[in-house]
Amino acid sequence: MNLVKPWLRLPRFWLSIAIVVVWVVVIGLMALMSFSKVPQQPLAFDHSAHIENNIPCLFCHSGANRGPSATLPTLAKCQGCHEQIQPDSEALEMLAEHIKNQEIIPWTPVAILPDFVYFSHQPHLAAAVNCEDCHGDVGQMKVAKPVDFEMGWCLTCHRSQDAAQIAKLEDCATCHK
């Protein structure tokens, strides 16, 4: 009595299984690499020096008070503090050169949301959400790392809020315009 199903003996069956397994592994590895990849930045910007000097996030990223993007500081804002600091590192020397030449620093964005997602920092700041809650402990990072802002991750936080707010925070129109 032959207990092996006839379709298990077909090479096409095993080839199909192998293709699916390889496809899943490759897609998984690509996703893992894209989420863990730290982008190359034009200057080695270390947030810890600013954190150690008690400079709040909103001092440099003042756009978070006004709209959807936290924005990056202008060269004039950087110059306001750094013209009084002796450039003692390669990054500070490069910053001084950018300021002297009035060249905008071409930073690589690390927090990009899809076009169909509406986001504003304002309600989060009003709800006393700390920057670190979403962006991680940037003060301990040598280079800011991308964060995977997926809907499920946001909803987990939204659902942990005050019961009176949850219905509004779960409403699709809150984040999707």
N, C-alpha and C. Protein backbone atom coordinates (compact mmCIF):
# COMPACT_ATOMS: atom_id res chain seq x y z
N MET A 1 0.85 -1.18 0.00
CA MET A 1 0.00 0.00 0.00
C MET A 1 0.90 1.24 0.00
N ASN A 2 0.64 2.13 -0.94
CA ASN A 2 1.43 3.35 -1.08
C ASN A 2 0.73 4.49 -0.35
N LEU A 3 1.34 4.99 0.73
CA LEU A 3 0.74 6.04 1.54
C LEU A 3 1.06 7.45 1.04
N VAL A 4 1.99 7.59 0.13
CA VAL A 4 2.39 8.90 -0.38
C VAL A 4 1.39 9.35 -1.44
N LYS A 5 0.89 10.53 -1.26
CA LYS A 5 -0.07 11.09 -2.23
C LYS A 5 0.64 11.28 -3.58
N PRO A 6 -0.04 11.05 -4.69
CA PRO A 6 0.61 11.16 -6.00
C PRO A 6 1.16 12.56 -6.28
N TRP A 7 0.47 13.58 -5.82
CA TRP A 7 0.93 14.95 -6.12
C TRP A 7 2.21 15.30 -5.36
N LEU A 8 2.51 14.57 -4.27
CA LEU A 8 3.76 14.80 -3.53
C LEU A 8 4.97 14.29 -4.30
N ARG A 9 4.74 13.41 -5.27
CA ARG A 9 5.84 12.86 -6.05
C ARG A 9 6.17 13.74 -7.26
N LEU A 10 5.38 14.75 -7.53
CA LEU A 10 5.60 15.60 -8.70
C LEU A 10 6.69 16.65 -8.42
N PRO A 11 7.68 16.75 -9.30
CA PRO A 11 8.74 17.75 -9.12
C PRO A 11 8.19 19.18 -9.12
N ARG A 12 7.11 19.40 -9.88
CA ARG A 12 6.52 20.75 -9.92
C ARG A 12 6.03 21.18 -8.55
N PHE A 13 5.49 20.26 -7.80
CA PHE A 13 4.99 20.58 -6.47
C PHE A 13 6.14 21.08 -5.59
N TRP A 14 7.23 20.34 -5.56
CA TRP A 14 8.36 20.71 -4.71
C TRP A 14 9.04 21.98 -5.22
N LEU A 15 9.08 22.16 -6.52
CA LEU A 15 9.63 23.40 -7.08
C LEU A 15 8.78 24.59 -6.68
N SER A 16 7.48 24.44 -6.71
CA SER A 16 6.57 25.52 -6.29
C SER A 16 6.78 25.86 -4.82
N ILE A 17 6.90 24.84 -3.99
CA ILE A 17 7.14 25.06 -2.56
C ILE A 17 8.47 25.81 -2.37
N ALA A 18 9.51 25.38 -3.07
CA ALA A 18 10.82 26.02 -2.95
C ALA A 18 10.76 27.48 -3.38
N ILE A 19 10.06 27.77 -4.45
CA ILE A 19 9.93 29.16 -4.94
C ILE A 19 9.22 30.02 -3.90
N VAL A 20 8.16 29.52 -3.33
CA VAL A 20 7.42 30.28 -2.31
C VAL A 20 8.30 30.54 -1.09
N VAL A 21 9.02 29.53 -0.64
CA VAL A 21 9.90 29.69 0.53
C VAL A 21 10.98 30.73 0.24
N VAL A 22 11.63 30.64 -0.91
CA VAL A 22 12.68 31.61 -1.27
C VAL A 22 12.07 33.01 -1.35
N TRP A 23 10.92 33.14 -1.95
CA TRP A 23 10.25 34.44 -2.09
C TRP A 23 9.96 35.04 -0.72
N VAL A 24 9.44 34.26 0.20
CA VAL A 24 9.13 34.75 1.55
C VAL A 24 10.41 35.18 2.27
N VAL A 25 11.46 34.40 2.16
CA VAL A 25 12.73 34.74 2.82
C VAL A 25 13.31 36.03 2.24
N VAL A 26 13.32 36.16 0.93
CA VAL A 26 13.88 37.36 0.28
C VAL A 26 13.08 38.60 0.67
N ILE A 27 11.77 38.53 0.61
CA ILE A 27 10.93 39.68 0.98
C ILE A 27 11.15 40.03 2.45
N GLY A 28 11.22 39.04 3.30
CA GLY A 28 11.46 39.27 4.73
C GLY A 28 12.79 39.95 4.98
N LEU A 29 13.83 39.48 4.31
CA LEU A 29 15.16 40.09 4.47
C LEU A 29 15.18 41.52 3.95
N MET A 30 14.52 41.77 2.83
CA MET A 30 14.47 43.14 2.28
C MET A 30 13.74 44.07 3.24
N ALA A 31 12.65 43.61 3.80
CA ALA A 31 11.91 44.44 4.75
C ALA A 31 12.74 44.71 5.99
N LEU A 32 13.41 43.70 6.50
CA LEU A 32 14.24 43.86 7.68
C LEU A 32 15.36 44.86 7.42
N MET A 33 16.00 44.76 6.28
CA MET A 33 17.09 45.67 5.94
C MET A 33 16.59 47.09 5.76
N SER A 34 15.43 47.28 5.16
CA SER A 34 14.94 48.63 4.93
C SER A 34 14.53 49.31 6.23
N PHE A 35 14.02 48.55 7.21
CA PHE A 35 13.59 49.15 8.47
C PHE A 35 14.76 49.40 9.40
N SER A 36 15.82 48.63 9.30
CA SER A 36 16.93 48.79 10.23
C SER A 36 18.04 49.65 9.65
N LYS A 37 17.90 50.06 8.40
CA LYS A 37 18.94 50.81 7.73
C LYS A 37 18.99 52.25 8.26
N VAL A 38 20.17 52.67 8.66
CA VAL A 38 20.37 54.05 9.10
C VAL A 38 20.88 54.82 7.90
N PRO A 39 20.17 55.89 7.50
CA PRO A 39 20.59 56.61 6.30
C PRO A 39 21.91 57.35 6.50
N GLN A 40 22.65 57.49 5.43
CA GLN A 40 23.87 58.26 5.44
C GLN A 40 23.49 59.74 5.51
N GLN A 41 24.08 60.48 6.42
CA GLN A 41 23.79 61.90 6.57
C GLN A 41 25.03 62.69 6.17
N PRO A 42 24.85 63.94 5.71
CA PRO A 42 25.99 64.75 5.27
C PRO A 42 26.91 65.16 6.43
N LEU A 43 26.36 65.27 7.63
CA LEU A 43 27.15 65.57 8.82
C LEU A 43 26.84 64.52 9.88
N ALA A 44 27.86 64.14 10.62
CA ALA A 44 27.64 63.20 11.73
C ALA A 44 27.03 64.00 12.88
N PHE A 45 25.71 64.08 12.88
CA PHE A 45 25.01 64.89 13.89
C PHE A 45 24.66 64.03 15.09
N ASP A 46 25.24 64.39 16.22
CA ASP A 46 25.04 63.65 17.47
C ASP A 46 24.13 64.48 18.37
N HIS A 47 22.89 64.03 18.55
CA HIS A 47 21.94 64.77 19.38
C HIS A 47 22.36 64.87 20.85
N SER A 48 23.20 63.94 21.30
CA SER A 48 23.50 63.88 22.73
C SER A 48 24.13 65.16 23.26
N ALA A 49 24.93 65.85 22.46
CA ALA A 49 25.54 67.11 22.93
C ALA A 49 24.45 68.15 23.22
N HIS A 50 23.42 68.16 22.42
CA HIS A 50 22.32 69.10 22.63
C HIS A 50 21.49 68.70 23.85
N ILE A 51 21.25 67.40 23.99
CA ILE A 51 20.49 66.89 25.13
C ILE A 51 21.24 67.19 26.43
N GLU A 52 22.55 66.95 26.43
CA GLU A 52 23.37 67.20 27.63
C GLU A 52 23.35 68.67 28.03
N ASN A 53 23.15 69.56 27.07
CA ASN A 53 23.09 70.99 27.35
C ASN A 53 21.66 71.48 27.56
N ASN A 54 20.76 70.52 27.79
CA ASN A 54 19.35 70.81 28.10
C ASN A 54 18.64 71.64 27.02
N ILE A 55 18.99 71.40 25.79
CA ILE A 55 18.32 72.09 24.68
C ILE A 55 17.12 71.22 24.31
N PRO A 56 15.90 71.74 24.47
CA PRO A 56 14.71 70.92 24.16
C PRO A 56 14.58 70.66 22.66
N CYS A 57 13.96 69.55 22.32
CA CYS A 57 13.75 69.19 20.91
C CYS A 57 13.12 70.33 20.13
N LEU A 58 12.13 70.99 20.76
CA LEU A 58 11.37 72.03 20.05
C LEU A 58 12.18 73.29 19.78
N PHE A 59 13.32 73.46 20.41
CA PHE A 59 14.16 74.61 20.10
C PHE A 59 14.66 74.52 18.66
N CYS A 60 15.13 73.34 18.27
CA CYS A 60 15.62 73.15 16.90
C CYS A 60 14.51 72.71 15.94
N HIS A 61 13.58 71.92 16.44
CA HIS A 61 12.51 71.38 15.60
C HIS A 61 11.21 72.13 15.89
N SER A 62 11.25 73.44 15.71
CA SER A 62 10.13 74.30 16.10
C SER A 62 8.88 74.13 15.26
N GLY A 63 8.99 73.54 14.09
CA GLY A 63 7.83 73.32 13.24
C GLY A 63 6.80 72.40 13.87
N ALA A 64 7.22 71.60 14.83
CA ALA A 64 6.29 70.68 15.49
C ALA A 64 5.18 71.44 16.22
N ASN A 65 5.45 72.68 16.61
CA ASN A 65 4.43 73.51 17.27
C ASN A 65 3.43 74.09 16.28
N ARG A 66 3.78 74.08 15.00
CA ARG A 66 2.96 74.79 14.01
C ARG A 66 2.30 73.91 12.96
N GLY A 67 2.78 72.71 12.76
CA GLY A 67 2.21 71.95 11.65
C GLY A 67 2.64 70.51 11.61
N PRO A 68 2.47 69.89 10.46
CA PRO A 68 2.71 68.45 10.34
C PRO A 68 4.18 68.05 10.45
N SER A 69 5.09 68.90 10.01
CA SER A 69 6.50 68.54 10.02
C SER A 69 7.22 69.24 11.17
N ALA A 70 8.08 68.52 11.84
CA ALA A 70 8.84 69.11 12.94
C ALA A 70 9.86 70.11 12.41
N THR A 71 10.21 70.01 11.17
CA THR A 71 11.20 70.84 10.47
C THR A 71 12.59 70.70 11.07
N LEU A 72 13.56 71.10 10.30
CA LEU A 72 14.94 71.13 10.74
C LEU A 72 15.33 72.58 10.96
N PRO A 73 16.29 72.83 11.82
CA PRO A 73 16.68 74.22 12.07
C PRO A 73 17.32 74.84 10.83
N THR A 74 17.14 76.14 10.71
CA THR A 74 17.79 76.87 9.63
C THR A 74 19.27 77.04 9.97
N LEU A 75 20.06 77.38 8.97
CA LEU A 75 21.48 77.65 9.23
C LEU A 75 21.63 78.81 10.20
N ALA A 76 20.74 79.80 10.10
CA ALA A 76 20.81 80.95 11.01
C ALA A 76 20.61 80.51 12.45
N LYS A 77 19.71 79.57 12.68
CA LYS A 77 19.48 79.07 14.04
C LYS A 77 20.72 78.33 14.54
N CYS A 78 21.30 77.48 13.69
CA CYS A 78 22.53 76.77 14.08
C CYS A 78 23.64 77.78 14.38
N GLN A 79 23.75 78.78 13.51
CA GLN A 79 24.80 79.78 13.67
C GLN A 79 24.64 80.57 14.97
N GLY A 80 23.40 80.82 15.36
CA GLY A 80 23.15 81.58 16.58
C GLY A 80 23.85 80.99 17.79
N CYS A 81 23.91 79.68 17.87
CA CYS A 81 24.60 79.02 18.99
C CYS A 81 26.05 78.69 18.63
N HIS A 82 26.24 78.16 17.43
CA HIS A 82 27.54 77.61 17.08
C HIS A 82 28.59 78.64 16.73
N GLU A 83 28.21 79.90 16.49
CA GLU A 83 29.25 80.90 16.24
C GLU A 83 30.04 81.20 17.51
N GLN A 84 29.49 80.79 18.65
CA GLN A 84 30.17 81.00 19.93
C GLN A 84 30.93 79.76 20.39
N ILE A 85 30.86 78.70 19.61
CA ILE A 85 31.50 77.44 19.98
C ILE A 85 32.66 77.18 19.02
N GLN A 86 33.82 76.88 19.56
CA GLN A 86 34.99 76.56 18.75
C GLN A 86 34.78 75.21 18.06
N PRO A 87 34.87 75.17 16.73
CA PRO A 87 34.70 73.89 16.05
C PRO A 87 35.83 72.92 16.42
N ASP A 88 35.50 71.96 17.29
CA ASP A 88 36.52 71.02 17.77
C ASP A 88 36.30 69.61 17.24
N SER A 89 35.48 69.49 16.21
CA SER A 89 35.25 68.19 15.58
C SER A 89 35.05 68.39 14.09
N GLU A 90 35.18 67.31 13.37
CA GLU A 90 34.99 67.38 11.91
C GLU A 90 33.57 67.84 11.57
N ALA A 91 32.58 67.34 12.31
CA ALA A 91 31.19 67.71 12.05
C ALA A 91 30.98 69.21 12.29
N LEU A 92 31.55 69.75 13.38
CA LEU A 92 31.39 71.19 13.65
C LEU A 92 32.14 72.03 12.62
N GLU A 93 33.28 71.53 12.15
CA GLU A 93 34.01 72.24 11.09
C GLU A 93 33.18 72.26 9.81
N MET A 94 32.56 71.14 9.49
CA MET A 94 31.70 71.09 8.30
C MET A 94 30.51 72.01 8.45
N LEU A 95 29.91 72.05 9.65
CA LEU A 95 28.79 72.95 9.91
C LEU A 95 29.23 74.39 9.71
N ALA A 96 30.39 74.76 10.27
CA ALA A 96 30.91 76.12 10.12
C ALA A 96 31.12 76.47 8.65
N GLU A 97 31.57 75.50 7.88
CA GLU A 97 31.77 75.72 6.44
C GLU A 97 30.43 75.95 5.73
N HIS A 98 29.42 75.16 6.08
CA HIS A 98 28.08 75.35 5.50
C HIS A 98 27.54 76.74 5.86
N ILE A 99 27.71 77.14 7.10
CA ILE A 99 27.22 78.45 7.53
C ILE A 99 27.96 79.56 6.79
N LYS A 100 29.28 79.45 6.71
CA LYS A 100 30.10 80.47 6.03
C LYS A 100 29.67 80.62 4.56
N ASN A 101 29.41 79.50 3.90
CA ASN A 101 29.04 79.52 2.48
C ASN A 101 27.53 79.62 2.25
N GLN A 102 26.76 79.68 3.35
CA GLN A 102 25.29 79.71 3.27
C GLN A 102 24.75 78.57 2.41
N GLU A 103 25.32 77.38 2.61
CA GLU A 103 24.89 76.18 1.89
C GLU A 103 23.95 75.38 2.78
N ILE A 104 22.76 75.12 2.27
CA ILE A 104 21.80 74.31 3.02
C ILE A 104 22.35 72.90 3.16
N ILE A 105 22.20 72.34 4.33
CA ILE A 105 22.68 70.97 4.60
C ILE A 105 21.65 69.99 4.03
N PRO A 106 22.06 69.12 3.12
CA PRO A 106 21.11 68.19 2.49
C PRO A 106 20.85 66.94 3.36
N TRP A 107 20.11 67.13 4.45
CA TRP A 107 19.81 66.02 5.34
C TRP A 107 18.94 64.98 4.63
N THR A 108 19.11 63.73 4.98
CA THR A 108 18.26 62.65 4.49
C THR A 108 17.12 62.47 5.50
N PRO A 109 15.86 62.60 5.07
CA PRO A 109 14.74 62.46 6.01
C PRO A 109 14.71 61.07 6.66
N VAL A 110 14.31 61.05 7.94
CA VAL A 110 14.21 59.77 8.65
C VAL A 110 12.78 59.48 9.11
N ALA A 111 11.88 60.42 8.96
CA ALA A 111 10.48 60.21 9.37
C ALA A 111 9.57 60.61 8.22
N ILE A 112 9.30 59.66 7.35
CA ILE A 112 8.47 59.92 6.18
C ILE A 112 7.19 59.09 6.29
N LEU A 113 6.08 59.75 6.12
CA LEU A 113 4.78 59.07 6.13
C LEU A 113 4.21 59.06 4.72
N PRO A 114 3.39 58.07 4.39
CA PRO A 114 2.76 58.06 3.07
C PRO A 114 1.86 59.29 2.88
N ASP A 115 1.63 59.66 1.64
CA ASP A 115 0.82 60.83 1.32
C ASP A 115 -0.61 60.74 1.85
N PHE A 116 -1.14 59.54 1.99
CA PHE A 116 -2.52 59.39 2.44
C PHE A 116 -2.69 59.51 3.95
N VAL A 117 -1.57 59.69 4.66
CA VAL A 117 -1.63 59.84 6.12
C VAL A 117 -1.48 61.30 6.48
N TYR A 118 -2.42 61.80 7.27
CA TYR A 118 -2.32 63.16 7.80
C TYR A 118 -1.75 63.06 9.20
N PHE A 119 -0.71 63.81 9.46
CA PHE A 119 -0.12 63.81 10.79
C PHE A 119 0.23 65.23 11.18
N SER A 120 -0.06 65.56 12.41
CA SER A 120 0.37 66.83 12.98
C SER A 120 0.94 66.56 14.36
N HIS A 121 2.07 67.18 14.64
CA HIS A 121 2.66 67.04 15.97
C HIS A 121 1.82 67.76 17.03
N GLN A 122 1.04 68.77 16.63
CA GLN A 122 0.33 69.61 17.59
C GLN A 122 -0.54 68.85 18.59
N PRO A 123 -1.44 67.96 18.16
CA PRO A 123 -2.26 67.27 19.15
C PRO A 123 -1.43 66.35 20.05
N HIS A 124 -0.35 65.83 19.52
CA HIS A 124 0.52 64.97 20.32
C HIS A 124 1.23 65.79 21.40
N LEU A 125 1.70 66.97 21.02
CA LEU A 125 2.35 67.84 22.01
C LEU A 125 1.34 68.31 23.05
N ALA A 126 0.12 68.64 22.60
CA ALA A 126 -0.93 69.07 23.52
C ALA A 126 -1.30 67.96 24.50
N ALA A 127 -1.17 66.70 24.07
CA ALA A 127 -1.48 65.56 24.93
C ALA A 127 -0.27 65.14 25.77
N ALA A 128 0.78 65.95 25.74
CA ALA A 128 2.01 65.71 26.51
C ALA A 128 2.72 64.42 26.10
N VAL A 129 2.64 64.08 24.81
CA VAL A 129 3.40 62.94 24.30
C VAL A 129 4.84 63.41 24.13
N ASN A 130 5.77 62.70 24.71
CA ASN A 130 7.19 63.05 24.58
C ASN A 130 7.71 62.64 23.22
N CYS A 131 8.64 63.40 22.69
CA CYS A 131 9.24 63.08 21.39
C CYS A 131 9.79 61.64 21.38
N GLU A 132 10.39 61.24 22.51
CA GLU A 132 11.01 59.92 22.61
C GLU A 132 9.99 58.79 22.48
N ASP A 133 8.74 59.06 22.83
CA ASP A 133 7.71 58.02 22.75
C ASP A 133 7.56 57.49 21.32
N CYS A 134 7.74 58.36 20.35
CA CYS A 134 7.61 57.95 18.94
C CYS A 134 8.96 57.82 18.23
N HIS A 135 9.87 58.72 18.54
CA HIS A 135 11.14 58.77 17.80
C HIS A 135 12.27 57.98 18.45
N GLY A 136 12.02 57.42 19.63
CA GLY A 136 13.07 56.69 20.33
C GLY A 136 13.98 57.64 21.08
N ASP A 137 14.95 57.09 21.76
CA ASP A 137 15.87 57.89 22.57
C ASP A 137 16.95 58.47 21.66
N VAL A 138 16.57 59.51 20.92
CA VAL A 138 17.47 60.13 19.93
C VAL A 138 18.75 60.62 20.60
N GLY A 139 18.66 61.04 21.86
CA GLY A 139 19.84 61.52 22.57
C GLY A 139 20.93 60.47 22.72
N GLN A 140 20.58 59.20 22.60
CA GLN A 140 21.56 58.12 22.71
C GLN A 140 22.00 57.59 21.35
N MET A 141 21.44 58.15 20.27
CA MET A 141 21.78 57.69 18.92
C MET A 141 22.88 58.57 18.34
N LYS A 142 23.83 57.93 17.69
CA LYS A 142 24.87 58.70 16.99
C LYS A 142 24.29 59.35 15.74
N VAL A 143 23.34 58.66 15.11
CA VAL A 143 22.62 59.19 13.95
C VAL A 143 21.16 58.81 14.15
N ALA A 144 20.25 59.76 13.91
CA ALA A 144 18.82 59.48 14.06
C ALA A 144 18.43 58.33 13.14
N LYS A 145 17.71 57.38 13.69
CA LYS A 145 17.31 56.18 12.94
C LYS A 145 15.87 56.31 12.47
N PRO A 146 15.57 55.76 11.30
CA PRO A 146 14.19 55.78 10.84
C PRO A 146 13.29 54.97 11.78
N VAL A 147 12.07 55.42 11.91
CA VAL A 147 11.09 54.73 12.73
C VAL A 147 10.01 54.19 11.81
N ASP A 148 9.58 52.98 12.04
CA ASP A 148 8.54 52.36 11.23
C ASP A 148 7.18 52.78 11.79
N PHE A 149 6.67 53.90 11.28
CA PHE A 149 5.38 54.40 11.74
C PHE A 149 4.26 53.68 10.99
N GLU A 150 3.89 52.51 11.49
CA GLU A 150 2.80 51.77 10.88
C GLU A 150 1.51 52.02 11.64
N MET A 151 0.41 51.87 10.95
CA MET A 151 -0.90 52.16 11.54
C MET A 151 -1.14 51.37 12.83
N GLY A 152 -0.79 50.11 12.85
CA GLY A 152 -1.01 49.30 14.05
C GLY A 152 -0.24 49.83 15.24
N TRP A 153 0.97 50.32 14.99
CA TRP A 153 1.80 50.89 16.06
C TRP A 153 1.13 52.14 16.62
N CYS A 154 0.64 53.01 15.73
CA CYS A 154 -0.06 54.23 16.17
C CYS A 154 -1.34 53.87 16.93
N LEU A 155 -2.11 52.92 16.40
CA LEU A 155 -3.37 52.54 17.04
C LEU A 155 -3.16 51.95 18.43
N THR A 156 -2.07 51.24 18.62
CA THR A 156 -1.78 50.69 19.95
C THR A 156 -1.69 51.83 20.97
N CYS A 157 -1.04 52.90 20.59
CA CYS A 157 -0.93 54.06 21.49
C CYS A 157 -2.28 54.76 21.62
N HIS A 158 -2.95 54.98 20.49
CA HIS A 158 -4.26 55.66 20.52
C HIS A 158 -5.23 54.92 21.44
N ARG A 159 -5.21 53.60 21.39
CA ARG A 159 -6.15 52.81 22.20
C ARG A 159 -5.80 52.78 23.68
N SER A 160 -4.61 53.25 24.03
CA SER A 160 -4.22 53.28 25.44
C SER A 160 -4.54 54.62 26.09
N GLN A 161 -5.20 55.51 25.36
CA GLN A 161 -5.52 56.83 25.87
C GLN A 161 -6.82 56.80 26.68
N ASP A 162 -7.20 57.95 27.19
CA ASP A 162 -8.42 58.11 27.97
C ASP A 162 -9.62 57.55 27.19
N ALA A 163 -10.46 56.81 27.86
CA ALA A 163 -11.60 56.13 27.23
C ALA A 163 -12.48 57.11 26.44
N ALA A 164 -12.62 58.33 26.92
CA ALA A 164 -13.46 59.32 26.23
C ALA A 164 -12.85 59.74 24.88
N GLN A 165 -11.55 59.54 24.70
CA GLN A 165 -10.86 59.95 23.47
C GLN A 165 -10.72 58.83 22.44
N ILE A 166 -10.87 57.59 22.87
CA ILE A 166 -10.55 56.46 22.00
C ILE A 166 -11.39 56.45 20.71
N ALA A 167 -12.68 56.74 20.81
CA ALA A 167 -13.53 56.70 19.60
C ALA A 167 -13.00 57.67 18.55
N LYS A 168 -12.63 58.87 18.95
CA LYS A 168 -12.09 59.86 18.01
C LYS A 168 -10.72 59.41 17.49
N LEU A 169 -9.89 58.87 18.37
CA LEU A 169 -8.54 58.47 17.97
C LEU A 169 -8.55 57.24 17.06
N GLU A 170 -9.61 56.42 17.15
CA GLU A 170 -9.72 55.25 16.28
C GLU A 170 -10.43 55.56 14.96
N ASP A 171 -11.04 56.71 14.88
CA ASP A 171 -11.74 57.10 13.66
C ASP A 171 -10.73 57.26 12.52
N CYS A 172 -10.97 56.60 11.40
CA CYS A 172 -10.03 56.64 10.27
C CYS A 172 -9.72 58.07 9.83
N ALA A 173 -10.72 58.94 9.87
CA ALA A 173 -10.55 60.32 9.40
C ALA A 173 -9.62 61.13 10.29
N THR A 174 -9.28 60.63 11.47
CA THR A 174 -8.33 61.35 12.33
C THR A 174 -6.95 61.37 11.68
N CYS A 175 -6.56 60.31 11.03
CA CYS A 175 -5.22 60.23 10.44
C CYS A 175 -5.22 60.14 8.92
N HIS A 176 -6.35 59.80 8.33
CA HIS A 176 -6.42 59.64 6.87
C HIS A 176 -7.36 60.68 6.30
N LYS A 177 -6.80 61.61 5.56
CA LYS A 177 -7.60 62.70 4.96
C LYS A 177 -7.76 62.49 3.48
